[in-house]
Structures are given as structure tokens and as C-alpha cells.
Protein backbone atom coordinates (compact mmCIF):
# COMPACT_ATOMS: atom_id res chain seq x y z
CA MET A 1 -23.90 5.39 -13.15
CA ALA A 2 -20.22 5.19 -14.23
CA ARG A 3 -18.10 3.37 -11.60
CA LEU A 4 -15.00 4.87 -9.87
CA ILE A 5 -12.27 2.16 -9.23
CA ALA A 6 -9.03 2.40 -7.12
CA ALA A 7 -6.41 -0.07 -8.10
CA LEU A 8 -4.35 -0.73 -5.09
CA VAL A 9 -0.64 -2.02 -6.02
CA ARG A 10 1.82 -3.20 -3.43
CA HIS A 11 5.47 -2.63 -4.60
CA GLY A 12 7.63 -5.44 -5.75
CA ASP A 13 10.35 -7.06 -3.91
CA TYR A 14 13.35 -4.94 -3.00
CA HIS A 15 16.61 -4.82 -1.34
CA GLN A 16 15.37 -4.83 2.29
CA SER A 17 17.85 -4.76 5.18
CA PRO A 18 17.36 -7.83 7.45
CA ASP A 19 15.32 -7.60 10.52
CA THR A 20 14.78 -4.11 10.12
CA PRO A 21 10.97 -3.06 10.66
CA SER A 22 11.19 0.33 9.32
CA ALA A 23 9.45 0.32 5.85
CA HIS A 24 11.08 3.77 5.09
CA GLN A 25 14.09 2.26 3.38
CA PRO A 26 15.64 3.86 0.54
CA TYR A 27 16.61 0.77 -1.67
CA PRO A 28 15.47 -0.18 -5.24
CA LEU A 29 13.62 -3.07 -6.46
CA SER A 30 15.22 -6.38 -6.80
CA SER A 31 15.23 -8.45 -10.09
CA ALA A 32 12.46 -10.63 -8.76
CA GLY A 33 10.72 -7.03 -7.87
CA GLU A 34 10.90 -5.92 -11.32
CA THR A 35 9.61 -9.26 -12.62
CA GLN A 36 6.68 -8.99 -10.46
CA ALA A 37 6.08 -5.56 -11.63
CA ARG A 38 5.88 -6.43 -15.09
CA GLU A 39 3.65 -9.44 -14.50
CA GLY A 40 1.49 -7.38 -11.79
CA ALA A 41 1.15 -4.64 -14.87
CA GLN A 42 0.12 -7.33 -17.20
CA LEU A 43 -2.56 -8.49 -14.90
CA LEU A 44 -3.87 -5.01 -14.55
CA TYR A 45 -3.61 -4.44 -18.21
CA ASP A 46 -6.02 -7.44 -18.92
CA MET A 47 -8.35 -6.45 -16.31
CA ILE A 48 -8.81 -3.10 -17.72
CA VAL A 49 -9.39 -4.30 -21.11
CA ARG A 50 -11.76 -7.20 -19.89
CA ASN A 51 -13.91 -4.62 -17.88
CA ASP A 52 -13.74 -1.86 -20.72
CA TRP A 53 -12.63 0.60 -17.90
CA THR A 54 -10.76 4.11 -18.49
CA LEU A 55 -7.42 4.42 -16.94
CA LEU A 56 -6.49 7.73 -15.71
CA PRO A 57 -2.93 8.75 -16.76
CA ALA A 58 -1.88 9.96 -13.44
CA ILE A 59 -0.46 7.10 -11.21
CA ASP A 60 -0.18 7.93 -7.54
CA SER A 61 2.86 6.50 -5.78
CA SER A 62 4.37 6.73 -2.31
CA ARG A 63 7.90 8.30 -2.21
CA MET A 64 9.97 5.20 -1.71
CA LEU A 65 12.26 4.26 -4.57
CA ARG A 66 10.82 0.69 -4.90
CA ALA A 67 7.27 1.99 -4.90
CA TRP A 68 8.06 4.48 -7.78
CA GLN A 69 10.13 1.98 -9.75
CA THR A 70 7.03 -0.34 -9.62
CA ALA A 71 4.83 2.47 -10.73
CA VAL A 72 6.98 3.31 -13.79
CA ILE A 73 6.92 -0.32 -14.83
CA PHE A 74 3.17 -0.10 -14.75
CA ALA A 75 2.97 3.25 -16.58
CA ASP A 76 5.10 1.70 -19.30
CA ARG A 77 2.79 -1.44 -19.70
CA LEU A 78 -0.26 0.50 -19.62
CA ALA A 79 0.84 3.32 -21.64
CA ASP A 80 -1.29 2.35 -24.67
CA LEU A 81 -4.66 2.34 -22.52
CA ALA A 82 -4.46 5.88 -21.21
CA SER A 83 -6.00 9.00 -23.05
CA SER A 84 -2.01 10.71 -22.74
CA THR A 85 1.12 9.31 -21.45
CA PRO A 86 1.07 8.31 -18.06
CA CYS A 87 2.75 10.06 -15.31
CA ILE A 88 3.73 9.29 -11.65
CA GLU A 89 2.88 11.67 -8.90
CA SER A 90 4.60 10.83 -5.58
CA HIS A 91 2.82 11.28 -2.36
CA ASP A 92 3.99 11.33 1.46
CA GLU A 93 0.32 10.16 2.44
CA LEU A 94 0.98 6.76 0.67
CA ALA A 95 3.95 5.96 2.82
CA GLU A 96 3.79 2.70 4.90
CA ARG A 97 3.71 2.77 8.92
CA GLY A 98 6.41 5.21 10.03
CA VAL A 99 8.65 4.22 13.25
CA GLY A 100 9.79 7.83 13.68
CA CYS A 101 13.24 8.39 15.27
CA LEU A 102 13.73 4.66 15.24
CA ALA A 103 13.56 4.52 11.49
CA ASN A 104 16.06 1.91 10.06
CA LEU A 105 17.26 0.29 13.24
CA THR A 106 17.15 -3.40 13.44
CA ARG A 107 14.47 -5.05 15.64
CA ALA A 108 17.03 -5.93 18.26
CA GLN A 109 18.21 -2.03 18.36
CA ILE A 110 14.71 -0.77 18.54
CA GLU A 111 13.98 -2.90 21.65
CA GLU A 112 17.35 -2.17 23.51
CA VAL A 113 16.65 1.70 22.99
CA LEU A 114 13.19 1.20 24.59
CA HIS A 115 14.60 -0.86 27.35
CA GLN A 116 17.27 1.73 28.18
CA ASP A 117 14.51 4.54 28.32
CA PRO A 118 13.34 5.06 31.71
CA ARG A 119 9.97 6.69 30.45
CA VAL A 120 8.65 3.91 28.32
CA SER A 121 7.57 0.05 28.91
CA ASP A 122 9.30 -2.54 26.85
CA PRO A 123 7.06 -3.43 23.70
CA PRO A 124 4.86 -6.45 23.49
CA ALA A 125 6.70 -9.34 21.73
CA ASP A 126 4.16 -9.05 18.66
CA TRP A 127 4.60 -5.46 18.42
CA LYS A 128 5.32 -5.45 14.66
CA MET A 129 2.35 -7.25 13.94
CA ASP A 130 -0.04 -5.48 16.66
CA SER A 131 -2.32 -3.09 14.44
CA HIS A 132 -3.05 -0.91 17.55
CA TYR A 133 0.77 -0.70 18.85
CA ARG A 134 2.67 2.70 18.36
CA LEU A 135 6.28 2.91 19.36
CA PRO A 136 6.27 5.49 22.03
CA LEU A 137 8.90 7.93 20.63
CA GLN A 138 8.84 10.84 18.36
CA GLY A 139 7.30 10.48 14.92
CA ALA A 140 5.85 6.77 15.22
CA GLU A 141 2.91 5.52 13.86
CA SER A 142 0.76 2.63 14.56
CA LEU A 143 -0.41 0.41 11.56
CA LEU A 144 -3.88 1.85 12.09
CA ASP A 145 -2.58 5.26 12.13
CA ALA A 146 -0.84 4.66 8.68
CA GLY A 147 -4.18 2.93 7.40
CA GLU A 148 -5.94 5.79 8.43
CA ARG A 149 -3.87 8.33 6.48
CA VAL A 150 -3.87 6.15 3.21
CA ALA A 151 -7.73 5.73 3.48
CA ALA A 152 -8.19 9.53 3.82
CA TYR A 153 -5.90 10.17 0.76
CA LEU A 154 -7.91 7.39 -1.21
CA GLU A 155 -11.14 8.88 -0.07
CA HIS A 156 -10.03 12.60 -0.96
CA CYS A 157 -8.73 11.50 -4.64
CA MET A 158 -11.67 9.26 -5.50
CA SER A 159 -14.27 11.36 -4.08
CA ALA A 160 -12.86 14.29 -6.53
CA LEU A 161 -13.43 12.27 -9.74
CA PRO A 162 -16.25 12.97 -11.91
CA ARG A 163 -18.82 10.24 -12.72
CA VAL A 164 -18.66 10.36 -16.57
CA ASN A 165 -19.96 7.95 -19.00
CA ASN A 166 -17.43 5.49 -18.58
CA ASP A 167 -15.98 3.51 -15.59
CA ILE A 168 -12.63 4.89 -14.37
CA VAL A 169 -9.79 3.21 -12.71
CA LYS A 170 -6.97 5.22 -11.06
CA ILE A 171 -3.92 3.53 -9.84
CA PHE A 172 -2.22 3.93 -6.42
CA VAL A 173 1.01 2.25 -5.58
CA GLY A 174 2.22 1.83 -2.03
CA HIS A 175 2.68 -0.56 0.67
CA GLY A 176 0.96 -3.86 1.92
CA ALA A 177 0.19 -3.20 5.41
CA ALA A 178 -0.90 0.48 4.94
CA PHE A 179 -3.21 -0.61 2.36
CA ARG A 180 -4.69 -3.40 4.33
CA HIS A 181 -5.26 -1.10 7.10
CA ALA A 182 -6.83 1.42 4.64
CA ALA A 183 -9.33 -1.07 3.65
CA TYR A 184 -10.26 -1.63 7.34
CA HIS A 185 -10.93 2.07 7.74
CA LEU A 186 -12.83 2.11 4.33
CA GLY A 187 -15.09 -0.79 5.45
CA VAL A 188 -13.59 -3.32 3.14
CA LEU A 189 -11.97 -5.50 5.32
CA GLY A 190 -13.04 -6.37 9.27
CA ILE A 191 -10.23 -5.86 11.50
CA GLU A 192 -9.87 -9.49 12.14
CA GLN A 193 -9.27 -9.91 8.35
CA VAL A 194 -6.44 -7.37 8.39
CA GLY A 195 -4.38 -9.74 10.58
CA GLN A 196 -5.07 -12.92 8.67
CA LEU A 197 -4.52 -11.32 5.14
CA SER A 198 -1.24 -9.79 3.33
CA MET A 199 -0.98 -8.40 -0.29
CA TYR A 200 0.77 -9.91 -3.23
CA HIS A 201 3.56 -8.16 -4.49
CA CYS A 202 2.44 -6.15 -7.55
CA ARG A 203 -0.86 -8.07 -7.97
CA PRO A 204 -3.72 -5.34 -7.82
CA ILE A 205 -6.57 -5.18 -5.59
CA THR A 206 -9.41 -3.21 -6.96
CA ILE A 207 -11.90 -1.77 -4.90
CA GLU A 208 -14.96 0.71 -5.90
CA TYR A 209 -15.85 4.01 -4.53
CA LEU A 210 -19.64 3.77 -4.35
CA ALA A 211 -21.96 6.84 -4.37
CA GLY A 212 -22.72 7.76 -0.81
CA GLY A 213 -18.99 7.34 0.13
CA GLN A 214 -19.10 3.49 0.63
CA TRP A 215 -16.30 1.21 -0.70
CA ARG A 216 -16.38 -2.55 -1.90
CA HIS A 217 -13.75 -5.08 -3.01
CA VAL A 218 -14.28 -5.43 -6.73
CA GLY A 219 -11.44 -7.76 -7.93
CA GLY A 220 -7.69 -9.16 -7.08
CA GLU A 221 -7.00 -11.79 -4.48
CA TRP A 222 -5.65 -10.89 -1.18
CA LYS A 223 -2.89 -13.14 0.17
CA GLN A 224 -3.58 -15.54 3.21
CA ARG A 225 -0.97 -15.25 5.68
CA SER A 226 0.74 -18.50 6.69
CA GLY A 227 1.13 -18.87 10.71
CA GLN A 228 1.93 -15.91 12.59
CA GLY A 229 5.48 -14.60 11.68
CA SER A 230 6.04 -11.32 11.29
CA PHE A 231 5.42 -9.45 7.79
CA THR A 232 7.68 -7.68 5.53
CA ASP A 233 6.75 -4.75 3.73
């Protein structure tokens, strides 16, 4: 039976505001991020050729500029592998964890807002890394909430694809923490692994959607976290 492969690509490095937990920042790729995207696209190109996969021309991306720019670079490099000119389709569902009305404040500002609000408790010291913690103000998600949203989107997209004669690969460009937590919801990673691993910028992780709705890791390396420092999107 033909295989259905999802290629998960974390966007490249970008001009991120310092000490700002919100991933909903509107800034472009840095020059390093553009280089990462070109190198990652070549990695995926070689993987597709080596495995004789058929590339779907529609590349799904989050709406963040850095993700869209990464997707454009991938589309340009992979164009000759697709049956038609690759196109970028942007989707809210692929966004990173949202912090709601606290978006784009610094960590110190967020913690001060919560400290001054008599309705809520101060957040735990590791709140940015805690998969379960949701900031207690309007619109915020936990990392697991974001992962569940992304996992549902991946499931929806991949389950709709026909199983034809050739193995098919579809590209999704998004964000590291949301993809890792989606992998937990899909049964690809255990909850303890989610905290131990990260994703390299632009290096694809490929997971296979199996008959019966299960998933498994096919290729690409997860990045081992060093220490317990806070992650950046």
C-alpha cells in the first residue's frame, strides 16, 4: 500500500524580540534563517529523491511571516519535483502556542500583569516550558493545547489524501513547540520526550500516517535539548 508522509518543517531563525514569549511576532527571517531554509530544502529534496516519494505541490504554512518565507524557499527549491508549480497555503491552525491578550509583552511584563491581577496566581517559574500551563487570561493556550490543534489539522489533511500507487509527501511549515506537542498527541513522542527534544530550524522531520489512523516517525532527527533553559520559537 502506498504511504502518506507528512514533512514537518520548523521555520528558520528570525528577528525575534528578546525575552518575549509570544510566538505571534510579525518579523521576517534573518539572513541565518534564509540560509537554514535553503539547506533544509536541499535536505528534503534529497530525501524525496532517495525514497522516490511524490511531492504534493500545496505546501501548508502558518500565517507567521517567518514560516511563509521558509515555505517559499522550500517551494522554490523543490519545484522540479512537483507535478505543478508549488503553492503556499497559510492556515491559522499551524500557529505556535498563543498567549492571548499578553501577546508580544516581555516575560517580565507578563509576570507583572499577572502579579497585579487579584483574580489569578503568579505563574510558576518554569511557565514558558510547562506543557500543561496556560496563562490565565483571555485567549491563551497551553503548549499541549497548541499541539492538539496542530495534530487535529495534520490528521484532517493526511486522512483526506488518497492512497494511490506512489508514496506521497506533504509539507507543513510551522513552529517547533507546536509540532513537538502535536507529535505527542499523535503518539509519535512520549510526554517526557517532548520536554527533552526540540527541532532544528528547517530540518524536516517526516512522520507517516498509517492505515487505521496511527502515526510513526520515518526520518529526520529531533534536536536534544541542552540543560533546562527556556526555548525560543
